[in-house]
């Protein structure tokens, strides 16, 4: 992708947060944005750095994580294409409280605080959309806590796989409640949908990263996948996972 010819206002118009903005508003907001490339493993920001912008992943994957005093990593979010992060923190006038790292070669769009504040002052409805977006993120974090508290590790893995299916895939009502949108963004469809309820997905990040996101160990994550495969509920081919029957997987007792 040629960054020099990237149409920032047009890209902003496709994001839910900015869809209702007029072309002239998008043009103004675009002047406060910047595009940056990050190589795999490169840090986007670290704890303690000033937060003067929020970010949208255009291409690639970004891992938001915290480190314990002993150096143990906890993945908080996985931000794939179209996912924004750091909106709420930008308004607190405080530094970043988590770290962000590119998991693959990544293109990020960063939206400056000054440009956002200017549009909020000009259009109160924009402020409401920002609040709605921040509220959805908070709701997702509450769901995470509920999932980790009320579901065992195997249920989390099943819920993660089902929630990561393409938008047109069936989502049986009996499926466990999974982590929100970052988990969906972390998985991509790898093939056209076959007949019935069979689906295939691919893991573009490591199993260790996904396990951390689900608050389980990598060993346990792998064991659950192999148990599901032994039960005929999934078929594993390296990073590709085929689900022959999503309804059967959702009903699998754990």
C-alpha atoms as a PDB file:
ATOM      1  CA  UNK A   1       0.000   0.000   0.000  1.00  0.00           C
ATOM      2  CA  UNK A   2       1.307   3.426  -1.003  1.00  0.00           C
ATOM      3  CA  UNK A   3       0.925   5.644   2.070  1.00  0.00           C
ATOM      4  CA  UNK A   4       1.535   8.769   0.013  1.00  0.00           C
ATOM      5  CA  UNK A   5      -1.720   8.155  -1.899  1.00  0.00           C
ATOM      6  CA  UNK A   6      -3.773   6.822   1.020  1.00  0.00           C
ATOM      7  CA  UNK A   7      -7.125   8.646   1.199  1.00  0.00           C
ATOM      8  CA  UNK A   8      -7.476   9.277   4.946  1.00  0.00           C
ATOM      9  CA  UNK A   9     -10.918  11.011   4.844  1.00  0.00           C
ATOM     10  CA  UNK A  10     -12.334   8.188   2.722  1.00  0.00           C
ATOM     11  CA  UNK A  11     -10.952   5.586   5.144  1.00  0.00           C
ATOM     12  CA  UNK A  12     -12.363   7.467   8.144  1.00  0.00           C
ATOM     13  CA  UNK A  13     -15.789   7.535   6.480  1.00  0.00           C
ATOM     14  CA  UNK A  14     -15.829   3.710   6.456  1.00  0.00           C
ATOM     15  CA  UNK A  15     -15.274   3.471  10.241  1.00  0.00           C
ATOM     16  CA  UNK A  16     -18.398   3.302  12.442  1.00  0.00           C
ATOM     17  CA  UNK A  17     -17.130   6.135  14.615  1.00  0.00           C
ATOM     18  CA  UNK A  18     -17.008   8.587  11.701  1.00  0.00           C
ATOM     19  CA  UNK A  19     -19.675   7.312   9.307  1.00  0.00           C
ATOM     20  CA  UNK A  20     -22.122  10.144   9.988  1.00  0.00           C
ATOM     21  CA  UNK A  21     -19.598  12.923   9.494  1.00  0.00           C
ATOM     22  CA  UNK A  22     -19.908  15.250   6.512  1.00  0.00           C
ATOM     23  CA  UNK A  23     -17.112  15.267   3.892  1.00  0.00           C
ATOM     24  CA  UNK A  24     -15.808  18.640   5.056  1.00  0.00           C
ATOM     25  CA  UNK A  25     -15.665  17.386   8.656  1.00  0.00           C
ATOM     26  CA  UNK A  26     -13.711  14.314   7.561  1.00  0.00           C
ATOM     27  CA  UNK A  27     -11.302  16.521   5.647  1.00  0.00           C
ATOM     28  CA  UNK A  28     -10.673  18.607   8.764  1.00  0.00           C
ATOM     29  CA  UNK A  29     -10.229  15.535  10.924  1.00  0.00           C
ATOM     30  CA  UNK A  30      -7.892  14.029   8.355  1.00  0.00           C
ATOM     31  CA  UNK A  31      -5.466  16.913   8.789  1.00  0.00           C
ATOM     32  CA  UNK A  32      -4.929  15.772  12.369  1.00  0.00           C
ATOM     33  CA  UNK A  33      -4.173  12.160  11.401  1.00  0.00           C
ATOM     34  CA  UNK A  34      -0.979  10.396  10.440  1.00  0.00           C
ATOM     35  CA  UNK A  35      -0.168   7.014   8.950  1.00  0.00           C
ATOM     36  CA  UNK A  36       2.761   4.974  10.213  1.00  0.00           C
ATOM     37  CA  UNK A  37       4.196   1.582   9.377  1.00  0.00           C
ATOM     38  CA  UNK A  38       5.439  -0.763  12.097  1.00  0.00           C
ATOM     39  CA  UNK A  39       7.548  -3.847  11.532  1.00  0.00           C
ATOM     40  CA  UNK A  40       6.670  -7.104  13.240  1.00  0.00           C
ATOM     41  CA  UNK A  41       7.702  -6.894  16.892  1.00  0.00           C
ATOM     42  CA  UNK A  42       8.063  -3.095  16.869  1.00  0.00           C
ATOM     43  CA  UNK A  43       6.566  -1.212  19.818  1.00  0.00           C
ATOM     44  CA  UNK A  44       3.787   1.255  19.035  1.00  0.00           C
ATOM     45  CA  UNK A  45       3.875   2.733  22.532  1.00  0.00           C
ATOM     46  CA  UNK A  46       4.916   1.740  26.040  1.00  0.00           C
ATOM     47  CA  UNK A  47       3.650   2.343  29.558  1.00  0.00           C
ATOM     48  CA  UNK A  48       4.459   5.883  30.700  1.00  0.00           C
ATOM     49  CA  UNK A  49       4.600   7.493  27.254  1.00  0.00           C
ATOM     50  CA  UNK A  50       2.274  10.518  26.791  1.00  0.00           C
ATOM     51  CA  UNK A  51      -1.042   9.709  25.095  1.00  0.00           C
ATOM     52  CA  UNK A  52      -1.998  12.468  22.664  1.00  0.00           C
ATOM     53  CA  UNK A  53      -3.809  10.378  20.045  1.00  0.00           C
ATOM     54  CA  UNK A  54      -5.813   7.240  19.536  1.00  0.00           C
ATOM     55  CA  UNK A  55      -5.124   4.627  16.906  1.00  0.00           C
ATOM     56  CA  UNK A  56      -6.882   2.523  14.285  1.00  0.00           C
ATOM     57  CA  UNK A  57      -5.321  -0.585  12.786  1.00  0.00           C
ATOM     58  CA  UNK A  58      -5.530  -0.287   8.993  1.00  0.00           C
ATOM     59  CA  UNK A  59      -3.542  -3.447   8.223  1.00  0.00           C
ATOM     60  CA  UNK A  60      -1.894  -6.006  10.488  1.00  0.00           C
ATOM     61  CA  UNK A  61      -2.352  -6.840  14.162  1.00  0.00           C
ATOM     62  CA  UNK A  62      -1.521  -4.917  17.343  1.00  0.00           C
ATOM     63  CA  UNK A  63      -1.219  -6.514  20.764  1.00  0.00           C
ATOM     64  CA  UNK A  64      -2.129  -4.467  23.840  1.00  0.00           C
ATOM     65  CA  UNK A  65      -0.551  -5.990  26.914  1.00  0.00           C
ATOM     66  CA  UNK A  66       0.609  -5.414  30.475  1.00  0.00           C
ATOM     67  CA  UNK A  67       3.670  -6.786  32.237  1.00  0.00           C
ATOM     68  CA  UNK A  68       3.822  -7.956  35.832  1.00  0.00           C
ATOM     69  CA  UNK A  69       6.796  -6.945  38.034  1.00  0.00           C
ATOM     70  CA  UNK A  70       8.181 -10.415  37.322  1.00  0.00           C
ATOM     71  CA  UNK A  71       7.929  -9.827  33.584  1.00  0.00           C
ATOM     72  CA  UNK A  72       4.896 -12.033  32.952  1.00  0.00           C
ATOM     73  CA  UNK A  73       2.804 -10.810  30.024  1.00  0.00           C
ATOM     74  CA  UNK A  74      -0.996 -10.479  30.001  1.00  0.00           C
ATOM     75  CA  UNK A  75      -2.598  -9.755  26.637  1.00  0.00           C
ATOM     76  CA  UNK A  76      -5.483  -7.336  27.072  1.00  0.00           C
ATOM     77  CA  UNK A  77      -6.607  -6.829  23.495  1.00  0.00           C
ATOM     78  CA  UNK A  78      -5.771  -7.881  19.955  1.00  0.00           C
ATOM     79  CA  UNK A  79      -6.547  -5.043  17.563  1.00  0.00           C
ATOM     80  CA  UNK A  80      -6.918  -6.146  13.968  1.00  0.00           C
ATOM     81  CA  UNK A  81      -7.977  -4.154  10.887  1.00  0.00           C
ATOM     82  CA  UNK A  82     -10.650  -1.566  11.632  1.00  0.00           C
ATOM     83  CA  UNK A  83     -10.229  -1.793  15.403  1.00  0.00           C
ATOM     84  CA  UNK A  84      -9.435   1.389  17.330  1.00  0.00           C
ATOM     85  CA  UNK A  85      -7.764   1.688  20.729  1.00  0.00           C
ATOM     86  CA  UNK A  86      -6.644   4.254  23.337  1.00  0.00           C
ATOM     87  CA  UNK A  87      -9.658   6.557  22.765  1.00  0.00           C
ATOM     88  CA  UNK A  88     -10.646   6.813  26.424  1.00  0.00           C
ATOM     89  CA  UNK A  89      -7.101   7.248  27.698  1.00  0.00           C
ATOM     90  CA  UNK A  90      -6.520  10.097  25.260  1.00  0.00           C
ATOM     91  CA  UNK A  91      -9.044  12.242  27.134  1.00  0.00           C
ATOM     92  CA  UNK A  92      -7.540  11.663  30.600  1.00  0.00           C
ATOM     93  CA  UNK A  93      -4.328  13.646  30.033  1.00  0.00           C
ATOM     94  CA  UNK A  94      -2.456  10.680  31.466  1.00  0.00           C
ATOM     95  CA  UNK A  95       0.272   8.525  29.938  1.00  0.00           C
ATOM     96  CA  UNK A  96      -0.335   5.108  28.433  1.00  0.00           C
ATOM     97  CA  UNK A  97      -1.069   2.464  31.067  1.00  0.00           C
ATOM     98  CA  UNK A  98      -0.485  -0.522  28.750  1.00  0.00           C
ATOM     99  CA  UNK A  99       1.978  -1.425  26.022  1.00  0.00           C
ATOM    100  CA  UNK A 100       1.193  -1.851  22.323  1.00  0.00           C
ATOM    101  CA  UNK A 101       3.264  -3.961  19.933  1.00  0.00           C
ATOM    102  CA  UNK A 102       2.843  -4.865  16.269  1.00  0.00           C
ATOM    103  CA  UNK A 103       2.435  -8.629  15.897  1.00  0.00           C
ATOM    104  CA  UNK A 104       2.822  -8.458  12.124  1.00  0.00           C
ATOM    105  CA  UNK A 105       3.880  -5.776   9.678  1.00  0.00           C
ATOM    106  CA  UNK A 106       1.263  -3.188  10.525  1.00  0.00           C
ATOM    107  CA  UNK A 107      -0.138   0.064   9.190  1.00  0.00           C
ATOM    108  CA  UNK A 108      -1.675   2.341  11.832  1.00  0.00           C
ATOM    109  CA  UNK A 109      -3.754   5.464  11.486  1.00  0.00           C
ATOM    110  CA  UNK A 110      -3.292   7.745  14.497  1.00  0.00           C
ATOM    111  CA  UNK A 111      -5.909  10.435  15.174  1.00  0.00           C
ATOM    112  CA  UNK A 112      -4.621  13.412  17.134  1.00  0.00           C
ATOM    113  CA  UNK A 113      -6.420  14.635  20.250  1.00  0.00           C
ATOM    114  CA  UNK A 114      -6.475  18.264  19.081  1.00  0.00           C
ATOM    115  CA  UNK A 115      -8.339  17.329  15.895  1.00  0.00           C
ATOM    116  CA  UNK A 116     -10.857  15.228  17.829  1.00  0.00           C
ATOM    117  CA  UNK A 117     -11.508  17.963  20.408  1.00  0.00           C
ATOM    118  CA  UNK A 118     -12.014  20.487  17.613  1.00  0.00           C
ATOM    119  CA  UNK A 119     -14.690  18.315  15.996  1.00  0.00           C
ATOM    120  CA  UNK A 120     -16.394  17.670  19.337  1.00  0.00           C
ATOM    121  CA  UNK A 121     -16.655  21.407  19.874  1.00  0.00           C
ATOM    122  CA  UNK A 122     -18.090  21.870  16.377  1.00  0.00           C
ATOM    123  CA  UNK A 123     -20.490  18.913  16.417  1.00  0.00           C
ATOM    124  CA  UNK A 124     -21.965  17.580  19.697  1.00  0.00           C
ATOM    125  CA  UNK A 125     -23.231  14.435  17.915  1.00  0.00           C
ATOM    126  CA  UNK A 126     -19.624  13.489  17.305  1.00  0.00           C
ATOM    127  CA  UNK A 127     -19.050  13.576  21.071  1.00  0.00           C
ATOM    128  CA  UNK A 128     -21.961  11.169  21.512  1.00  0.00           C
ATOM    129  CA  UNK A 129     -20.446   8.760  18.985  1.00  0.00           C
ATOM    130  CA  UNK A 130     -17.118   8.918  20.792  1.00  0.00           C
ATOM    131  CA  UNK A 131     -18.881   8.145  24.071  1.00  0.00           C
ATOM    132  CA  UNK A 132     -20.741   5.253  22.442  1.00  0.00           C
ATOM    133  CA  UNK A 133     -17.471   3.790  21.174  1.00  0.00           C
ATOM    134  CA  UNK A 134     -15.833   4.098  24.579  1.00  0.00           C
ATOM    135  CA  UNK A 135     -18.906   2.533  26.204  1.00  0.00           C
ATOM    136  CA  UNK A 136     -18.733  -0.448  23.838  1.00  0.00           C
ATOM    137  CA  UNK A 137     -15.120  -1.000  24.831  1.00  0.00           C
ATOM    138  CA  UNK A 138     -16.043  -0.854  28.531  1.00  0.00           C
ATOM    139  CA  UNK A 139     -18.881  -3.294  27.877  1.00  0.00           C
ATOM    140  CA  UNK A 140     -16.402  -5.623  26.206  1.00  0.00           C
ATOM    141  CA  UNK A 141     -14.110  -5.510  29.221  1.00  0.00           C
ATOM    142  CA  UNK A 142     -17.042  -6.350  31.509  1.00  0.00           C
ATOM    143  CA  UNK A 143     -17.834  -9.317  29.262  1.00  0.00           C
ATOM    144  CA  UNK A 144     -14.213 -10.411  29.577  1.00  0.00           C
ATOM    145  CA  UNK A 145     -14.454 -10.418  33.372  1.00  0.00           C
ATOM    146  CA  UNK A 146     -17.729 -12.352  33.221  1.00  0.00           C
ATOM    147  CA  UNK A 147     -16.227 -14.871  30.812  1.00  0.00           C
ATOM    148  CA  UNK A 148     -13.118 -15.457  32.928  1.00  0.00           C
ATOM    149  CA  UNK A 149     -15.246 -15.746  36.082  1.00  0.00           C
ATOM    150  CA  UNK A 150     -18.216 -17.809  34.881  1.00  0.00           C
ATOM    151  CA  UNK A 151     -16.705 -20.036  32.189  1.00  0.00           C
ATOM    152  CA  UNK A 152     -13.958 -22.595  32.461  1.00  0.00           C
ATOM    153  CA  UNK A 153     -10.973 -22.518  30.143  1.00  0.00           C
ATOM    154  CA  UNK A 154     -12.428 -24.985  27.638  1.00  0.00           C
ATOM    155  CA  UNK A 155     -15.628 -22.946  27.346  1.00  0.00           C
ATOM    156  CA  UNK A 156     -13.542 -19.834  26.699  1.00  0.00           C
ATOM    157  CA  UNK A 157     -11.712 -21.553  23.862  1.00  0.00           C
ATOM    158  CA  UNK A 158     -14.957 -22.778  22.276  1.00  0.00           C
ATOM    159  CA  UNK A 159     -16.557 -19.367  22.648  1.00  0.00           C
ATOM    160  CA  UNK A 160     -13.494 -17.742  21.132  1.00  0.00           C
ATOM    161  CA  UNK A 161     -13.563 -20.030  18.094  1.00  0.00           C
ATOM    162  CA  UNK A 162     -17.282 -19.537  17.508  1.00  0.00           C
ATOM    163  CA  UNK A 163     -17.145 -15.781  17.957  1.00  0.00           C
ATOM    164  CA  UNK A 164     -14.207 -15.575  15.555  1.00  0.00           C
ATOM    165  CA  UNK A 165     -16.197 -17.007  12.656  1.00  0.00           C
ATOM    166  CA  UNK A 166     -16.980 -14.814   9.632  1.00  0.00           C
ATOM    167  CA  UNK A 167     -19.997 -12.542   9.931  1.00  0.00           C
ATOM    168  CA  UNK A 168     -22.199 -14.854   7.838  1.00  0.00           C
ATOM    169  CA  UNK A 169     -21.419 -17.895   9.959  1.00  0.00           C
ATOM    170  CA  UNK A 170     -24.144 -19.242  12.251  1.00  0.00           C
ATOM    171  CA  UNK A 171     -23.750 -18.371  15.921  1.00  0.00           C
ATOM    172  CA  UNK A 172     -25.782 -20.885  17.903  1.00  0.00           C
ATOM    173  CA  UNK A 173     -27.522 -19.343  20.930  1.00  0.00           C
ATOM    174  CA  UNK A 174     -25.963 -21.957  23.202  1.00  0.00           C
ATOM    175  CA  UNK A 175     -22.421 -20.794  22.463  1.00  0.00           C
ATOM    176  CA  UNK A 176     -20.472 -19.471  25.483  1.00  0.00           C
ATOM    177  CA  UNK A 177     -20.025 -15.722  25.677  1.00  0.00           C
ATOM    178  CA  UNK A 178     -16.516 -14.922  24.343  1.00  0.00           C
ATOM    179  CA  UNK A 179     -14.264 -11.881  24.634  1.00  0.00           C
ATOM    180  CA  UNK A 180     -15.440  -9.027  22.503  1.00  0.00           C
ATOM    181  CA  UNK A 181     -14.331  -7.476  19.286  1.00  0.00           C
ATOM    182  CA  UNK A 182     -10.498  -7.846  19.675  1.00  0.00           C
ATOM    183  CA  UNK A 183     -10.891 -11.619  19.622  1.00  0.00           C
ATOM    184  CA  UNK A 184     -13.073 -11.411  16.508  1.00  0.00           C
ATOM    185  CA  UNK A 185     -10.463  -9.211  14.833  1.00  0.00           C
ATOM    186  CA  UNK A 186      -7.732 -11.674  15.709  1.00  0.00           C
ATOM    187  CA  UNK A 187      -9.167 -14.392  13.452  1.00  0.00           C
ATOM    188  CA  UNK A 188      -9.804 -14.296   9.705  1.00  0.00           C
ATOM    189  CA  UNK A 189     -11.756 -16.554   7.363  1.00  0.00           C
ATOM    190  CA  UNK A 190      -9.475 -18.654   5.191  1.00  0.00           C
ATOM    191  CA  UNK A 191     -11.947 -20.187   2.732  1.00  0.00           C
ATOM    192  CA  UNK A 192     -15.392 -19.639   1.180  1.00  0.00           C
ATOM    193  CA  UNK A 193     -18.121 -20.974   3.447  1.00  0.00           C
ATOM    194  CA  UNK A 194     -18.864 -24.621   2.650  1.00  0.00           C
ATOM    195  CA  UNK A 195     -22.389 -26.035   2.890  1.00  0.00           C
ATOM    196  CA  UNK A 196     -24.358 -26.377   6.123  1.00  0.00           C
ATOM    197  CA  UNK A 197     -22.696 -25.060   9.280  1.00  0.00           C
ATOM    198  CA  UNK A 198     -19.089 -25.987   8.486  1.00  0.00           C
ATOM    199  CA  UNK A 199     -16.593 -23.134   8.722  1.00  0.00           C
ATOM    200  CA  UNK A 200     -12.845 -22.626   8.532  1.00  0.00           C
ATOM    201  CA  UNK A 201     -10.829 -19.990  10.358  1.00  0.00           C
ATOM    202  CA  UNK A 202      -7.155 -19.162  10.683  1.00  0.00           C
ATOM    203  CA  UNK A 203      -5.074 -17.964  13.610  1.00  0.00           C
ATOM    204  CA  UNK A 204      -2.875 -15.077  12.469  1.00  0.00           C
ATOM    205  CA  UNK A 205      -1.289 -14.735  15.921  1.00  0.00           C
ATOM    206  CA  UNK A 206       0.479 -17.305  18.066  1.00  0.00           C
ATOM    207  CA  UNK A 207      -1.390 -19.718  20.313  1.00  0.00           C
ATOM    208  CA  UNK A 208       0.503 -18.264  23.263  1.00  0.00           C
ATOM    209  CA  UNK A 209      -0.886 -14.809  22.482  1.00  0.00           C
ATOM    210  CA  UNK A 210      -4.447 -16.096  22.178  1.00  0.00           C
ATOM    211  CA  UNK A 211      -4.052 -18.102  25.382  1.00  0.00           C
ATOM    212  CA  UNK A 212      -2.922 -14.989  27.242  1.00  0.00           C
ATOM    213  CA  UNK A 213      -5.918 -13.137  25.839  1.00  0.00           C
ATOM    214  CA  UNK A 214      -8.181 -15.864  27.275  1.00  0.00           C
ATOM    215  CA  UNK A 215      -6.315 -15.972  30.617  1.00  0.00           C
ATOM    216  CA  UNK A 216      -5.218 -19.583  30.206  1.00  0.00           C
ATOM    217  CA  UNK A 217      -1.814 -21.148  29.650  1.00  0.00           C
ATOM    218  CA  UNK A 218      -0.575 -21.970  26.132  1.00  0.00           C
ATOM    219  CA  UNK A 219      -0.314 -25.627  27.142  1.00  0.00           C
ATOM    220  CA  UNK A 220      -3.944 -25.711  28.255  1.00  0.00           C
ATOM    221  CA  UNK A 221      -5.074 -23.925  25.083  1.00  0.00           C
ATOM    222  CA  UNK A 222      -3.300 -26.538  22.935  1.00  0.00           C
ATOM    223  CA  UNK A 223      -4.712 -29.379  25.021  1.00  0.00           C
ATOM    224  CA  UNK A 224      -8.283 -28.103  24.587  1.00  0.00           C
ATOM    225  CA  UNK A 225      -7.793 -27.825  20.828  1.00  0.00           C
ATOM    226  CA  UNK A 226      -6.476 -31.374  20.624  1.00  0.00           C
ATOM    227  CA  UNK A 227      -9.316 -32.668  22.825  1.00  0.00           C
ATOM    228  CA  UNK A 228     -11.824 -31.000  20.509  1.00  0.00           C
ATOM    229  CA  UNK A 229     -10.071 -32.510  17.518  1.00  0.00           C
ATOM    230  CA  UNK A 230     -10.114 -35.967  19.119  1.00  0.00           C
ATOM    231  CA  UNK A 231     -13.869 -35.538  19.635  1.00  0.00           C
ATOM    232  CA  UNK A 232     -14.288 -34.765  15.930  1.00  0.00           C
ATOM    233  CA  UNK A 233     -15.450 -31.210  16.597  1.00  0.00           C
ATOM    234  CA  UNK A 234     -12.572 -29.452  14.826  1.00  0.00           C
ATOM    235  CA  UNK A 235      -9.738 -30.320  12.478  1.00  0.00           C
ATOM    236  CA  UNK A 236      -6.379 -28.577  12.978  1.00  0.00           C
ATOM    237  CA  UNK A 237      -3.974 -27.917  10.131  1.00  0.00           C
ATOM    238  CA  UNK A 238      -1.182 -25.746  11.558  1.00  0.00           C
ATOM    239  CA  UNK A 239      -2.858 -22.337  12.037  1.00  0.00           C
ATOM    240  CA  UNK A 240      -6.028 -23.326  10.172  1.00  0.00           C
ATOM    241  CA  UNK A 241      -8.967 -24.706  12.136  1.00  0.00           C
ATOM    242  CA  UNK A 242     -11.930 -26.324  10.379  1.00  0.00           C
ATOM    243  CA  UNK A 243     -15.217 -26.632  12.270  1.00  0.00           C
ATOM    244  CA  UNK A 244     -17.417 -29.261  10.577  1.00  0.00           C
ATOM    245  CA  UNK A 245     -20.524 -28.385  12.614  1.00  0.00           C
ATOM    246  CA  UNK A 246     -20.682 -25.134  14.590  1.00  0.00           C
ATOM    247  CA  UNK A 247     -23.910 -26.118  16.380  1.00  0.00           C
ATOM    248  CA  UNK A 248     -22.346 -29.348  17.611  1.00  0.00           C
ATOM    249  CA  UNK A 249     -19.264 -27.494  18.837  1.00  0.00           C
ATOM    250  CA  UNK A 250     -21.425 -24.976  20.713  1.00  0.00           C
ATOM    251  CA  UNK A 251     -23.305 -27.777  22.497  1.00  0.00           C
ATOM    252  CA  UNK A 252     -20.194 -29.749  23.404  1.00  0.00           C
ATOM    253  CA  UNK A 253     -20.230 -30.370  27.185  1.00  0.00           C
ATOM    254  CA  UNK A 254     -17.256 -29.163  29.159  1.00  0.00           C
END
